[in-house]
Amino acid sequence: QVQLVESGGGLVQPGGSLRLSCAASRSITSIYAMGWYRQAPGKPRELVANITTLGRTDYAHSVKGRFTISRDIAKNMVSLQMNSLKPEDTALYYCNVRLHSSRDIWGQGTQVTVSS
């Protein structure tokens, strides 16, 4: 079974930057989109950003202009560059792959903490 392995989380001060990366353990076929979701304590999981195989991107309103998603199609990898981080960006960030069948594959999550 394919696994998604995330990296790049950590502790950063407000205004700082982090880059999250996610790689699949093996090739995945029939991908519709790859992206990132996040979940803060006591809140539902929410979409941060995703990118389709055609290159269309969607961002949560709260991160537009600060976060940039990119992908390497050949390597089944997706990255999220996060700049100008705010304390409200603190959450567990999950990598997601959505297939054309609407099946979702999830990573284990990587913690991002923005605090001084």
PDB file of N, CA and C in Angstrom:
ATOM      1  N   GLN A   1       0.844  -1.181   0.000  1.00  0.00           N
ATOM      2  CA  GLN A   1       0.000   0.000   0.000  1.00  0.00           C
ATOM      3  C   GLN A   1       0.888   1.243   0.000  1.00  0.00           C
ATOM      4  N   VAL A   2       0.537   2.209  -0.828  1.00  0.00           N
ATOM      5  CA  VAL A   2       1.354   3.402  -0.934  1.00  0.00           C
ATOM      6  C   VAL A   2       1.269   4.230   0.334  1.00  0.00           C
ATOM      7  N   GLN A   3       2.390   4.825   0.710  1.00  0.00           N
ATOM      8  CA  GLN A   3       2.439   5.711   1.867  1.00  0.00           C
ATOM      9  C   GLN A   3       2.927   7.076   1.430  1.00  0.00           C
ATOM     10  N   LEU A   4       2.440   8.094   2.138  1.00  0.00           N
ATOM     11  CA  LEU A   4       2.900   9.460   1.908  1.00  0.00           C
ATOM     12  C   LEU A   4       3.767   9.858   3.091  1.00  0.00           C
ATOM     13  N   VAL A   5       4.985  10.303   2.809  1.00  0.00           N
ATOM     14  CA  VAL A   5       5.930  10.663   3.859  1.00  0.00           C
ATOM     15  C   VAL A   5       6.174  12.158   3.822  1.00  0.00           C
ATOM     16  N   GLU A   6       5.792  12.819   4.923  1.00  0.00           N
ATOM     17  CA  GLU A   6       5.940  14.275   5.012  1.00  0.00           C
ATOM     18  C   GLU A   6       7.212  14.640   5.754  1.00  0.00           C
ATOM     19  N   SER A   7       7.729  15.812   5.446  1.00  0.00           N
ATOM     20  CA  SER A   7       8.890  16.334   6.163  1.00  0.00           C
ATOM     21  C   SER A   7       8.861  17.852   6.116  1.00  0.00           C
ATOM     22  N   GLY A   8       9.623  18.470   7.021  1.00  0.00           N
ATOM     23  CA  GLY A   8       9.781  19.912   6.970  1.00  0.00           C
ATOM     24  C   GLY A   8       9.059  20.702   8.041  1.00  0.00           C
ATOM     25  N   GLY A   9       8.266  20.049   8.857  1.00  0.00           N
ATOM     26  CA  GLY A   9       7.587  20.780   9.922  1.00  0.00           C
ATOM     27  C   GLY A   9       8.548  21.196  11.014  1.00  0.00           C
ATOM     28  N   GLY A  10       8.050  21.996  11.953  1.00  0.00           N
ATOM     29  CA  GLY A  10       8.896  22.413  13.058  1.00  0.00           C
ATOM     30  C   GLY A  10       8.378  23.655  13.735  1.00  0.00           C
ATOM     31  N   LEU A  11       9.253  24.245  14.534  1.00  0.00           N
ATOM     32  CA  LEU A  11       8.925  25.461  15.276  1.00  0.00           C
ATOM     33  C   LEU A  11       9.577  26.653  14.585  1.00  0.00           C
ATOM     34  N   VAL A  12       8.803  27.694  14.383  1.00  0.00           N
ATOM     35  CA  VAL A  12       9.315  28.886  13.717  1.00  0.00           C
ATOM     36  C   VAL A  12       8.685  30.114  14.361  1.00  0.00           C
ATOM     37  N   GLN A  13       9.411  31.215  14.342  1.00  0.00           N
ATOM     38  CA  GLN A  13       8.883  32.452  14.892  1.00  0.00           C
ATOM     39  C   GLN A  13       7.920  33.108  13.912  1.00  0.00           C
ATOM     40  N   PRO A  14       6.999  33.914  14.413  1.00  0.00           N
ATOM     41  CA  PRO A  14       6.101  34.654  13.513  1.00  0.00           C
ATOM     42  C   PRO A  14       6.902  35.445  12.487  1.00  0.00           C
ATOM     43  N   GLY A  15       6.429  35.387  11.243  1.00  0.00           N
ATOM     44  CA  GLY A  15       7.132  36.041  10.153  1.00  0.00           C
ATOM     45  C   GLY A  15       8.144  35.152   9.463  1.00  0.00           C
ATOM     46  N   GLY A  16       8.408  33.998  10.030  1.00  0.00           N
ATOM     47  CA  GLY A  16       9.384  33.084   9.458  1.00  0.00           C
ATOM     48  C   GLY A  16       8.810  32.226   8.343  1.00  0.00           C
ATOM     49  N   SER A  17       9.652  31.327   7.855  1.00  0.00           N
ATOM     50  CA  SER A  17       9.269  30.468   6.733  1.00  0.00           C
ATOM     51  C   SER A  17       9.581  29.007   7.032  1.00  0.00           C
ATOM     52  N   LEU A  18       8.799  28.144   6.422  1.00  0.00           N
ATOM     53  CA  LEU A  18       9.041  26.708   6.445  1.00  0.00           C
ATOM     54  C   LEU A  18       8.654  26.149   5.086  1.00  0.00           C
ATOM     55  N   ARG A  19       9.277  25.032   4.757  1.00  0.00           N
ATOM     56  CA  ARG A  19       8.912  24.333   3.527  1.00  0.00           C
ATOM     57  C   ARG A  19       8.571  22.895   3.868  1.00  0.00           C
ATOM     58  N   LEU A  20       7.343  22.506   3.539  1.00  0.00           N
ATOM     59  CA  LEU A  20       6.894  21.134   3.741  1.00  0.00           C
ATOM     60  C   LEU A  20       7.038  20.356   2.441  1.00  0.00           C
ATOM     61  N   SER A  21       7.444  19.111   2.566  1.00  0.00           N
ATOM     62  CA  SER A  21       7.544  18.237   1.400  1.00  0.00           C
ATOM     63  C   SER A  21       6.845  16.922   1.684  1.00  0.00           C
ATOM     64  N   CYS A  22       6.357  16.317   0.630  1.00  0.00           N
ATOM     65  CA  CYS A  22       5.649  15.039   0.749  1.00  0.00           C
ATOM     66  C   CYS A  22       6.022  14.173  -0.441  1.00  0.00           C
ATOM     67  N   ALA A  23       6.436  12.965  -0.141  1.00  0.00           N
ATOM     68  CA  ALA A  23       6.811  12.031  -1.207  1.00  0.00           C
ATOM     69  C   ALA A  23       6.049  10.725  -1.045  1.00  0.00           C
ATOM     70  N   ALA A  24       5.626  10.176  -2.156  1.00  0.00           N
ATOM     71  CA  ALA A  24       4.949   8.880  -2.136  1.00  0.00           C
ATOM     72  C   ALA A  24       5.985   7.758  -2.116  1.00  0.00           C
ATOM     73  N   SER A  25       5.649   6.680  -1.416  1.00  0.00           N
ATOM     74  CA  SER A  25       6.590   5.565  -1.283  1.00  0.00           C
ATOM     75  C   SER A  25       6.763   4.784  -2.577  1.00  0.00           C
ATOM     76  N   ARG A  26       5.800   4.948  -3.477  1.00  0.00           N
ATOM     77  CA  ARG A  26       5.913   4.319  -4.794  1.00  0.00           C
ATOM     78  C   ARG A  26       5.042   5.106  -5.759  1.00  0.00           C
ATOM     79  N   SER A  27       5.147   4.782  -7.007  1.00  0.00           N
ATOM     80  CA  SER A  27       4.400   5.502  -8.023  1.00  0.00           C
ATOM     81  C   SER A  27       2.891   5.350  -7.800  1.00  0.00           C
ATOM     82  N   ILE A  28       2.173   6.425  -8.026  1.00  0.00           N
ATOM     83  CA  ILE A  28       0.720   6.426  -7.884  1.00  0.00           C
ATOM     84  C   ILE A  28       0.105   6.775  -9.232  1.00  0.00           C
ATOM     85  N   THR A  29      -0.857   5.974  -9.660  1.00  0.00           N
ATOM     86  CA  THR A  29      -1.540   6.270 -10.920  1.00  0.00           C
ATOM     87  C   THR A  29      -2.900   6.895 -10.642  1.00  0.00           C
ATOM     88  N   SER A  30      -3.439   7.513 -11.648  1.00  0.00           N
ATOM     89  CA  SER A  30      -4.779   8.101 -11.587  1.00  0.00           C
ATOM     90  C   SER A  30      -4.912   9.207 -10.546  1.00  0.00           C
ATOM     91  N   ILE A  31      -3.849  10.000 -10.389  1.00  0.00           N
ATOM     92  CA  ILE A  31      -3.917  11.127  -9.460  1.00  0.00           C
ATOM     93  C   ILE A  31      -4.722  12.251 -10.084  1.00  0.00           C
ATOM     94  N   TYR A  32      -5.641  12.793  -9.300  1.00  0.00           N
ATOM     95  CA  TYR A  32      -6.388  13.983  -9.718  1.00  0.00           C
ATOM     96  C   TYR A  32      -5.699  15.239  -9.165  1.00  0.00           C
ATOM     97  N   ALA A  33      -5.327  15.180  -7.876  1.00  0.00           N
ATOM     98  CA  ALA A  33      -4.691  16.337  -7.256  1.00  0.00           C
ATOM     99  C   ALA A  33      -3.846  15.898  -6.076  1.00  0.00           C
ATOM    100  N   MET A  34      -2.878  16.736  -5.735  1.00  0.00           N
ATOM    101  CA  MET A  34      -2.083  16.561  -4.522  1.00  0.00           C
ATOM    102  C   MET A  34      -2.170  17.850  -3.730  1.00  0.00           C
ATOM    103  N   GLY A  35      -2.112  17.738  -2.415  1.00  0.00           N
ATOM    104  CA  GLY A  35      -2.236  18.961  -1.647  1.00  0.00           C
ATOM    105  C   GLY A  35      -1.940  18.796  -0.177  1.00  0.00           C
ATOM    106  N   TRP A  36      -2.274  19.862   0.549  1.00  0.00           N
ATOM    107  CA  TRP A  36      -2.044  19.910   1.983  1.00  0.00           C
ATOM    108  C   TRP A  36      -3.303  20.374   2.702  1.00  0.00           C
ATOM    109  N   TYR A  37      -3.585  19.703   3.793  1.00  0.00           N
ATOM    110  CA  TYR A  37      -4.648  20.090   4.704  1.00  0.00           C
ATOM    111  C   TYR A  37      -3.998  20.342   6.067  1.00  0.00           C
ATOM    112  N   ARG A  38      -4.731  20.995   6.936  1.00  0.00           N
ATOM    113  CA  ARG A  38      -4.234  21.194   8.287  1.00  0.00           C
ATOM    114  C   ARG A  38      -5.371  21.101   9.284  1.00  0.00           C
ATOM    115  N   GLN A  39      -4.982  20.746  10.512  1.00  0.00           N
ATOM    116  CA  GLN A  39      -5.964  20.658  11.586  1.00  0.00           C
ATOM    117  C   GLN A  39      -5.350  21.191  12.858  1.00  0.00           C
ATOM    118  N   ALA A  40      -5.976  22.226  13.381  1.00  0.00           N
ATOM    119  CA  ALA A  40      -5.565  22.796  14.658  1.00  0.00           C
ATOM    120  C   ALA A  40      -6.405  22.165  15.761  1.00  0.00           C
ATOM    121  N   PRO A  41      -5.910  22.169  16.988  1.00  0.00           N
ATOM    122  CA  PRO A  41      -6.667  21.560  18.094  1.00  0.00           C
ATOM    123  C   PRO A  41      -8.065  22.144  18.210  1.00  0.00           C
ATOM    124  N   GLY A  42      -9.052  21.254  18.279  1.00  0.00           N
ATOM    125  CA  GLY A  42     -10.421  21.688  18.449  1.00  0.00           C
ATOM    126  C   GLY A  42     -11.096  22.207  17.199  1.00  0.00           C
ATOM    127  N   LYS A  43     -10.397  22.116  16.067  1.00  0.00           N
ATOM    128  CA  LYS A  43     -10.971  22.614  14.811  1.00  0.00           C
ATOM    129  C   LYS A  43     -11.007  21.492  13.773  1.00  0.00           C
ATOM    130  N   PRO A  44     -11.893  21.605  12.797  1.00  0.00           N
ATOM    131  CA  PRO A  44     -11.949  20.588  11.748  1.00  0.00           C
ATOM    132  C   PRO A  44     -10.755  20.706  10.794  1.00  0.00           C
ATOM    133  N   ARG A  45     -10.482  19.611  10.113  1.00  0.00           N
ATOM    134  CA  ARG A  45      -9.418  19.631   9.116  1.00  0.00           C
ATOM    135  C   ARG A  45      -9.856  20.532   7.960  1.00  0.00           C
ATOM    136  N   GLU A  46      -8.930  21.345   7.444  1.00  0.00           N
ATOM    137  CA  GLU A  46      -9.267  22.266   6.370  1.00  0.00           C
ATOM    138  C   GLU A  46      -8.218  22.205   5.261  1.00  0.00           C
ATOM    139  N   LEU A  47      -8.669  22.486   4.060  1.00  0.00           N
ATOM    140  CA  LEU A  47      -7.765  22.549   2.929  1.00  0.00           C
ATOM    141  C   LEU A  47      -6.867  23.774   3.068  1.00  0.00           C
ATOM    142  N   VAL A  48      -5.567  23.569   2.860  1.00  0.00           N
ATOM    143  CA  VAL A  48      -4.620  24.673   2.804  1.00  0.00           C
ATOM    144  C   VAL A  48      -4.358  25.038   1.340  1.00  0.00           C
ATOM    145  N   ALA A  49      -3.985  24.039   0.563  1.00  0.00           N
ATOM    146  CA  ALA A  49      -3.716  24.264  -0.857  1.00  0.00           C
ATOM    147  C   ALA A  49      -3.684  22.926  -1.567  1.00  0.00           C
ATOM    148  N   ASN A  50      -4.083  22.924  -2.832  1.00  0.00           N
ATOM    149  CA  ASN A  50      -3.889  21.737  -3.643  1.00  0.00           C
ATOM    150  C   ASN A  50      -3.595  22.135  -5.075  1.00  0.00           C
ATOM    151  N   ILE A  51      -3.079  21.151  -5.812  1.00  0.00           N
ATOM    152  CA  ILE A  51      -2.711  21.381  -7.204  1.00  0.00           C
ATOM    153  C   ILE A  51      -3.107  20.146  -8.005  1.00  0.00           C
ATOM    154  N   THR A  52      -3.811  20.365  -9.106  1.00  0.00           N
ATOM    155  CA  THR A  52      -4.254  19.246  -9.928  1.00  0.00           C
ATOM    156  C   THR A  52      -3.152  18.841 -10.901  1.00  0.00           C
ATOM    157  N   THR A  53      -3.381  17.725 -11.580  1.00  0.00           N
ATOM    158  CA  THR A  53      -2.406  17.264 -12.560  1.00  0.00           C
ATOM    159  C   THR A  53      -2.286  18.229 -13.735  1.00  0.00           C
ATOM    160  N   LEU A  54      -3.318  19.060 -13.918  1.00  0.00           N
ATOM    161  CA  LEU A  54      -3.265  20.068 -14.981  1.00  0.00           C
ATOM    162  C   LEU A  54      -2.637  21.368 -14.500  1.00  0.00           C
ATOM    163  N   GLY A  55      -2.248  21.390 -13.236  1.00  0.00           N
ATOM    164  CA  GLY A  55      -1.564  22.562 -12.718  1.00  0.00           C
ATOM    165  C   GLY A  55      -2.453  23.610 -12.088  1.00  0.00           C
ATOM    166  N   ARG A  56      -3.746  23.334 -11.988  1.00  0.00           N
ATOM    167  CA  ARG A  56      -4.638  24.289 -11.330  1.00  0.00           C
ATOM    168  C   ARG A  56      -4.416  24.242  -9.831  1.00  0.00           C
ATOM    169  N   THR A  57      -4.316  25.410  -9.224  1.00  0.00           N
ATOM    170  CA  THR A  57      -4.084  25.489  -7.782  1.00  0.00           C
ATOM    171  C   THR A  57      -5.278  26.134  -7.075  1.00  0.00           C
ATOM    172  N   ASP A  58      -5.506  25.701  -5.867  1.00  0.00           N
ATOM    173  CA  ASP A  58      -6.494  26.306  -4.986  1.00  0.00           C
ATOM    174  C   ASP A  58      -5.842  26.541  -3.630  1.00  0.00           C
ATOM    175  N   TYR A  59      -6.133  27.687  -3.047  1.00  0.00           N
ATOM    176  CA  TYR A  59      -5.581  28.044  -1.748  1.00  0.00           C
ATOM    177  C   TYR A  59      -6.698  28.481  -0.804  1.00  0.00           C
ATOM    178  N   ALA A  60      -6.510  28.183   0.468  1.00  0.00           N
ATOM    179  CA  ALA A  60      -7.389  28.759   1.471  1.00  0.00           C
ATOM    180  C   ALA A  60      -7.180  30.265   1.465  1.00  0.00           C
ATOM    181  N   HIS A  61      -8.252  31.001   1.693  1.00  0.00           N
ATOM    182  CA  HIS A  61      -8.159  32.463   1.655  1.00  0.00           C
ATOM    183  C   HIS A  61      -7.102  32.973   2.637  1.00  0.00           C
ATOM    184  N   SER A  62      -7.008  32.289   3.766  1.00  0.00           N
ATOM    185  CA  SER A  62      -6.120  32.766   4.827  1.00  0.00           C
ATOM    186  C   SER A  62      -4.632  32.638   4.480  1.00  0.00           C
ATOM    187  N   VAL A  63      -4.300  31.848   3.461  1.00  0.00           N
ATOM    188  CA  VAL A  63      -2.879  31.653   3.131  1.00  0.00           C
ATOM    189  C   VAL A  63      -2.492  32.225   1.781  1.00  0.00           C
ATOM    190  N   LYS A  64      -3.466  32.744   1.043  1.00  0.00           N
ATOM    191  CA  LYS A  64      -3.157  33.301  -0.279  1.00  0.00           C
ATOM    192  C   LYS A  64      -2.126  34.419  -0.175  1.00  0.00           C
ATOM    193  N   GLY A  65      -1.148  34.368  -1.056  1.00  0.00           N
ATOM    194  CA  GLY A  65      -0.093  35.376  -1.049  1.00  0.00           C
ATOM    195  C   GLY A  65       1.054  35.057  -0.115  1.00  0.00           C
ATOM    196  N   ARG A  66       0.863  34.062   0.754  1.00  0.00           N
ATOM    197  CA  ARG A  66       1.919  33.691   1.704  1.00  0.00           C
ATOM    198  C   ARG A  66       2.451  32.283   1.436  1.00  0.00           C
ATOM    199  N   PHE A  67       1.573  31.388   0.999  1.00  0.00           N
ATOM    200  CA  PHE A  67       1.950  29.990   0.754  1.00  0.00           C
ATOM    201  C   PHE A  67       1.961  29.720  -0.744  1.00  0.00           C
ATOM    202  N   THR A  68       2.867  28.840  -1.162  1.00  0.00           N
ATOM    203  CA  THR A  68       2.938  28.435  -2.562  1.00  0.00           C
ATOM    204  C   THR A  68       3.087  26.921  -2.647  1.00  0.00           C
ATOM    205  N   ILE A  69       2.199  26.303  -3.402  1.00  0.00           N
ATOM    206  CA  ILE A  69       2.259  24.855  -3.575  1.00  0.00           C
ATOM    207  C   ILE A  69       2.917  24.535  -4.914  1.00  0.00           C
ATOM    208  N   SER A  70       3.686  23.456  -4.936  1.00  0.00           N
ATOM    209  CA  SER A  70       4.317  23.013  -6.177  1.00  0.00           C
ATOM    210  C   SER A  70       4.393  21.490  -6.162  1.00  0.00           C
ATOM    211  N   ARG A  71       4.571  20.904  -7.344  1.00  0.00           N
ATOM    212  CA  ARG A  71       4.639  19.448  -7.396  1.00  0.00           C
ATOM    213  C   ARG A  71       5.626  18.998  -8.457  1.00  0.00           C
ATOM    214  N   ASP A  72       6.169  17.819  -8.231  1.00  0.00           N
ATOM    215  CA  ASP A  72       7.024  17.143  -9.202  1.00  0.00           C
ATOM    216  C   ASP A  72       6.247  15.914  -9.645  1.00  0.00           C
ATOM    217  N   ILE A  73       5.665  16.006 -10.828  1.00  0.00           N
ATOM    218  CA  ILE A  73       4.789  14.934 -11.292  1.00  0.00           C
ATOM    219  C   ILE A  73       5.541  13.621 -11.412  1.00  0.00           C
ATOM    220  N   ALA A  74       6.748  13.660 -11.955  1.00  0.00           N
ATOM    221  CA  ALA A  74       7.508  12.430 -12.190  1.00  0.00           C
ATOM    222  C   ALA A  74       7.847  11.715 -10.888  1.00  0.00           C
ATOM    223  N   LYS A  75       8.053  12.490  -9.827  1.00  0.00           N
ATOM    224  CA  LYS A  75       8.451  11.895  -8.552  1.00  0.00           C
ATOM    225  C   LYS A  75       7.288  11.733  -7.584  1.00  0.00           C
ATOM    226  N   ASN A  76       6.087  12.098  -8.007  1.00  0.00           N
ATOM    227  CA  ASN A  76       4.929  12.041  -7.108  1.00  0.00           C
ATOM    228  C   ASN A  76       5.227  12.771  -5.800  1.00  0.00           C
ATOM    229  N   MET A  77       5.744  13.967  -5.928  1.00  0.00           N
ATOM    230  CA  MET A  77       6.082  14.774  -4.756  1.00  0.00           C
ATOM    231  C   MET A  77       5.311  16.088  -4.817  1.00  0.00           C
ATOM    232  N   VAL A  78       4.980  16.592  -3.640  1.00  0.00           N
ATOM    233  CA  VAL A  78       4.327  17.886  -3.542  1.00  0.00           C
ATOM    234  C   VAL A  78       4.967  18.656  -2.387  1.00  0.00           C
ATOM    235  N   SER A  79       5.151  19.947  -2.586  1.00  0.00           N
ATOM    236  CA  SER A  79       5.779  20.786  -1.571  1.00  0.00           C
ATOM    237  C   SER A  79       4.915  22.001  -1.283  1.00  0.00           C
ATOM    238  N   LEU A  80       5.098  22.546  -0.099  1.00  0.00           N
ATOM    239  CA  LEU A  80       4.368  23.743   0.297  1.00  0.00           C
ATOM    240  C   LEU A  80       5.365  24.715   0.922  1.00  0.00           C
ATOM    241  N   GLN A  81       5.616  25.824   0.237  1.00  0.00           N
ATOM    242  CA  GLN A  81       6.464  26.879   0.762  1.00  0.00           C
ATOM    243  C   GLN A  81       5.592  27.837   1.545  1.00  0.00           C
ATOM    244  N   MET A  82       5.921  27.981   2.830  1.00  0.00           N
ATOM    245  CA  MET A  82       5.106  28.820   3.705  1.00  0.00           C
ATOM    246  C   MET A  82       5.945  29.997   4.189  1.00  0.00           C
ATOM    247  N   ASN A  83       5.537  31.193   3.812  1.00  0.00           N
ATOM    248  CA  ASN A  83       6.232  32.417   4.206  1.00  0.00           C
ATOM    249  C   ASN A  83       5.330  33.268   5.088  1.00  0.00           C
ATOM    250  N   SER A  84       5.937  34.208   5.762  1.00  0.00           N
ATOM    251  CA  SER A  84       5.185  35.139   6.624  1.00  0.00           C
ATOM    252  C   SER A  84       4.248  34.389   7.552  1.00  0.00           C
ATOM    253  N   LEU A  85       4.770  33.378   8.201  1.00  0.00           N
ATOM    254  CA  LEU A  85       3.934  32.529   9.049  1.00  0.00           C
ATOM    255  C   LEU A  85       3.380  33.288  10.243  1.00  0.00           C
ATOM    256  N   LYS A  86       2.167  32.915  10.613  1.00  0.00           N
ATOM    257  CA  LYS A  86       1.463  33.546  11.719  1.00  0.00           C
ATOM    258  C   LYS A  86       1.141  32.491  12.778  1.00  0.00           C
ATOM    259  N   PRO A  87       0.933  32.931  14.015  1.00  0.00           N
ATOM    260  CA  PRO A  87       0.569  31.945  15.047  1.00  0.00           C
ATOM    261  C   PRO A  87      -0.667  31.129  14.679  1.00  0.00           C
ATOM    262  N   GLU A  88      -1.596  31.723  13.960  1.00  0.00           N
ATOM    263  CA  GLU A  88      -2.808  30.984  13.564  1.00  0.00           C
ATOM    264  C   GLU A  88      -2.545  29.929  12.503  1.00  0.00           C
ATOM    265  N   ASP A  89      -1.339  29.876  11.963  1.00  0.00           N
ATOM    266  CA  ASP A  89      -0.976  28.793  11.044  1.00  0.00           C
ATOM    267  C   ASP A  89      -0.549  27.529  11.792  1.00  0.00           C
ATOM    268  N   THR A  90      -0.444  27.621  13.098  1.00  0.00           N
ATOM    269  CA  THR A  90      -0.060  26.466  13.907  1.00  0.00           C
ATOM    270  C   THR A  90      -1.091  25.356  13.768  1.00  0.00           C
ATOM    271  N   ALA A  91      -0.628  24.178  13.372  1.00  0.00           N
ATOM    272  CA  ALA A  91      -1.528  23.050  13.149  1.00  0.00           C
ATOM    273  C   ALA A  91      -0.716  21.821  12.769  1.00  0.00           C
ATOM    274  N   LEU A  92      -1.406  20.707  12.704  1.00  0.00           N
ATOM    275  CA  LEU A  92      -0.837  19.487  12.135  1.00  0.00           C
ATOM    276  C   LEU A  92      -1.171  19.499  10.641  1.00  0.00           C
ATOM    277  N   TYR A  93      -0.146  19.444   9.821  1.00  0.00           N
ATOM    278  CA  TYR A  93      -0.319  19.536   8.377  1.00  0.00           C
ATOM    279  C   TYR A  93      -0.250  18.146   7.750  1.00  0.00           C
ATOM    280  N   TYR A  94      -1.252  17.838   6.927  1.00  0.00           N
ATOM    281  CA  TYR A  94      -1.351  16.530   6.300  1.00  0.00           C
ATOM    282  C   TYR A  94      -1.198  16.640   4.788  1.00  0.00           C
ATOM    283  N   CYS A  95      -0.393  15.768   4.251  1.00  0.00           N
ATOM    284  CA  CYS A  95      -0.302  15.626   2.807  1.00  0.00           C
ATOM    285  C   CYS A  95      -1.479  14.779   2.312  1.00  0.00           C
ATOM    286  N   ASN A  96      -2.004  15.148   1.161  1.00  0.00           N
ATOM    287  CA  ASN A  96      -3.163  14.434   0.607  1.00  0.00           C
ATOM    288  C   ASN A  96      -2.972  14.178  -0.881  1.00  0.00           C
ATOM    289  N   VAL A  97      -3.353  12.992  -1.292  1.00  0.00           N
ATOM    290  CA  VAL A  97      -3.455  12.667  -2.713  1.00  0.00           C
ATOM    291  C   VAL A  97      -4.890  12.244  -2.988  1.00  0.00           C
ATOM    292  N   ARG A  98      -5.515  12.895  -3.926  1.00  0.00           N
ATOM    293  CA  ARG A  98      -6.871  12.511  -4.328  1.00  0.00           C
ATOM    294  C   ARG A  98      -6.796  11.871  -5.700  1.00  0.00           C
ATOM    295  N   LEU A  99      -7.381  10.692  -5.801  1.00  0.00           N
ATOM    296  CA  LEU A  99      -7.399   9.976  -7.066  1.00  0.00           C
ATOM    297  C   LEU A  99      -8.635  10.359  -7.878  1.00  0.00           C
ATOM    298  N   HIS A 100      -8.629   9.997  -9.141  1.00  0.00           N
ATOM    299  CA  HIS A 100      -9.800  10.270  -9.985  1.00  0.00           C
ATOM    300  C   HIS A 100     -11.038   9.529  -9.493  1.00  0.00           C
ATOM    301  N   SER A 101     -10.831   8.459  -8.739  1.00  0.00           N
ATOM    302  CA  SER A 101     -11.952   7.711  -8.168  1.00  0.00           C
ATOM    303  C   SER A 101     -12.523   8.392  -6.938  1.00  0.00           C
ATOM    304  N   SER A 102     -11.944   9.539  -6.562  1.00  0.00           N
ATOM    305  CA  SER A 102     -12.306  10.297  -5.356  1.00  0.00           C
ATOM    306  C   SER A 102     -11.773   9.674  -4.079  1.00  0.00           C
ATOM    307  N   ARG A 103     -10.989   8.613  -4.194  1.00  0.00           N
ATOM    308  CA  ARG A 103     -10.322   8.056  -3.023  1.00  0.00           C
ATOM    309  C   ARG A 103      -9.204   8.984  -2.585  1.00  0.00           C
ATOM    310  N   ASP A 104      -9.092   9.150  -1.262  1.00  0.00           N
ATOM    311  CA  ASP A 104      -8.049   9.986  -0.675  1.00  0.00           C
ATOM    312  C   ASP A 104      -6.973   9.122  -0.016  1.00  0.00           C
ATOM    313  N   ILE A 105      -5.741   9.538  -0.203  1.00  0.00           N
ATOM    314  CA  ILE A 105      -4.607   8.946   0.515  1.00  0.00           C
ATOM    315  C   ILE A 105      -4.026  10.035   1.398  1.00  0.00           C
ATOM    316  N   TRP A 106      -3.755   9.696   2.668  1.00  0.00           N
ATOM    317  CA  TRP A 106      -3.293  10.700   3.625  1.00  0.00           C
ATOM    318  C   TRP A 106      -1.926  10.338   4.191  1.00  0.00           C
ATOM    319  N   GLY A 107      -1.161  11.372   4.472  1.00  0.00           N
ATOM    320  CA  GLY A 107       0.077  11.177   5.212  1.00  0.00           C
ATOM    321  C   GLY A 107      -0.216  11.155   6.701  1.00  0.00           C
ATOM    322  N   GLN A 108       0.834  10.945   7.488  1.00  0.00           N
ATOM    323  CA  GLN A 108       0.682  10.857   8.945  1.00  0.00           C
ATOM    324  C   GLN A 108       0.559  12.224   9.597  1.00  0.00           C
ATOM    325  N   GLY A 109       1.017  13.246   8.912  1.00  0.00           N
ATOM    326  CA  GLY A 109       0.958  14.592   9.458  1.00  0.00           C
ATOM    327  C   GLY A 109       2.309  15.062   9.967  1.00  0.00           C
ATOM    328  N   THR A 110       2.549  16.363   9.832  1.00  0.00           N
ATOM    329  CA  THR A 110       3.764  16.974  10.365  1.00  0.00           C
ATOM    330  C   THR A 110       3.366  18.265  11.088  1.00  0.00           C
ATOM    331  N   GLN A 111       3.908  18.440  12.267  1.00  0.00           N
ATOM    332  CA  GLN A 111       3.496  19.569  13.110  1.00  0.00           C
ATOM    333  C   GLN A 111       4.210  20.849  12.692  1.00  0.00           C
ATOM    334  N   VAL A 112       3.428  21.906  12.574  1.00  0.00           N
ATOM    335  CA  VAL A 112       3.967  23.252  12.346  1.00  0.00           C
ATOM    336  C   VAL A 112       3.518  24.120  13.523  1.00  0.00           C
ATOM    337  N   THR A 113       4.486  24.703  14.206  1.00  0.00           N
ATOM    338  CA  THR A 113       4.190  25.570  15.342  1.00  0.00           C
ATOM    339  C   THR A 113       4.833  26.932  15.102  1.00  0.00           C
ATOM    340  N   VAL A 114       3.996  27.966  15.143  1.00  0.00           N
ATOM    341  CA  VAL A 114       4.472  29.331  14.940  1.00  0.00           C
ATOM    342  C   VAL A 114       4.328  30.069  16.267  1.00  0.00           C
ATOM    343  N   SER A 115       5.459  30.365  16.871  1.00  0.00           N
ATOM    344  CA  SER A 115       5.425  30.969  18.198  1.00  0.00           C
ATOM    345  C   SER A 115       6.742  31.687  18.477  1.00  0.00           C
ATOM    346  N   SER A 116       6.636  32.755  19.242  1.00  0.00           N
ATOM    347  CA  SER A 116       7.844  33.471  19.640  1.00  0.00           C
ATOM    348  C   SER A 116       8.343  32.956  20.992  1.00  0.00           C
TER     349      SER A 116
END
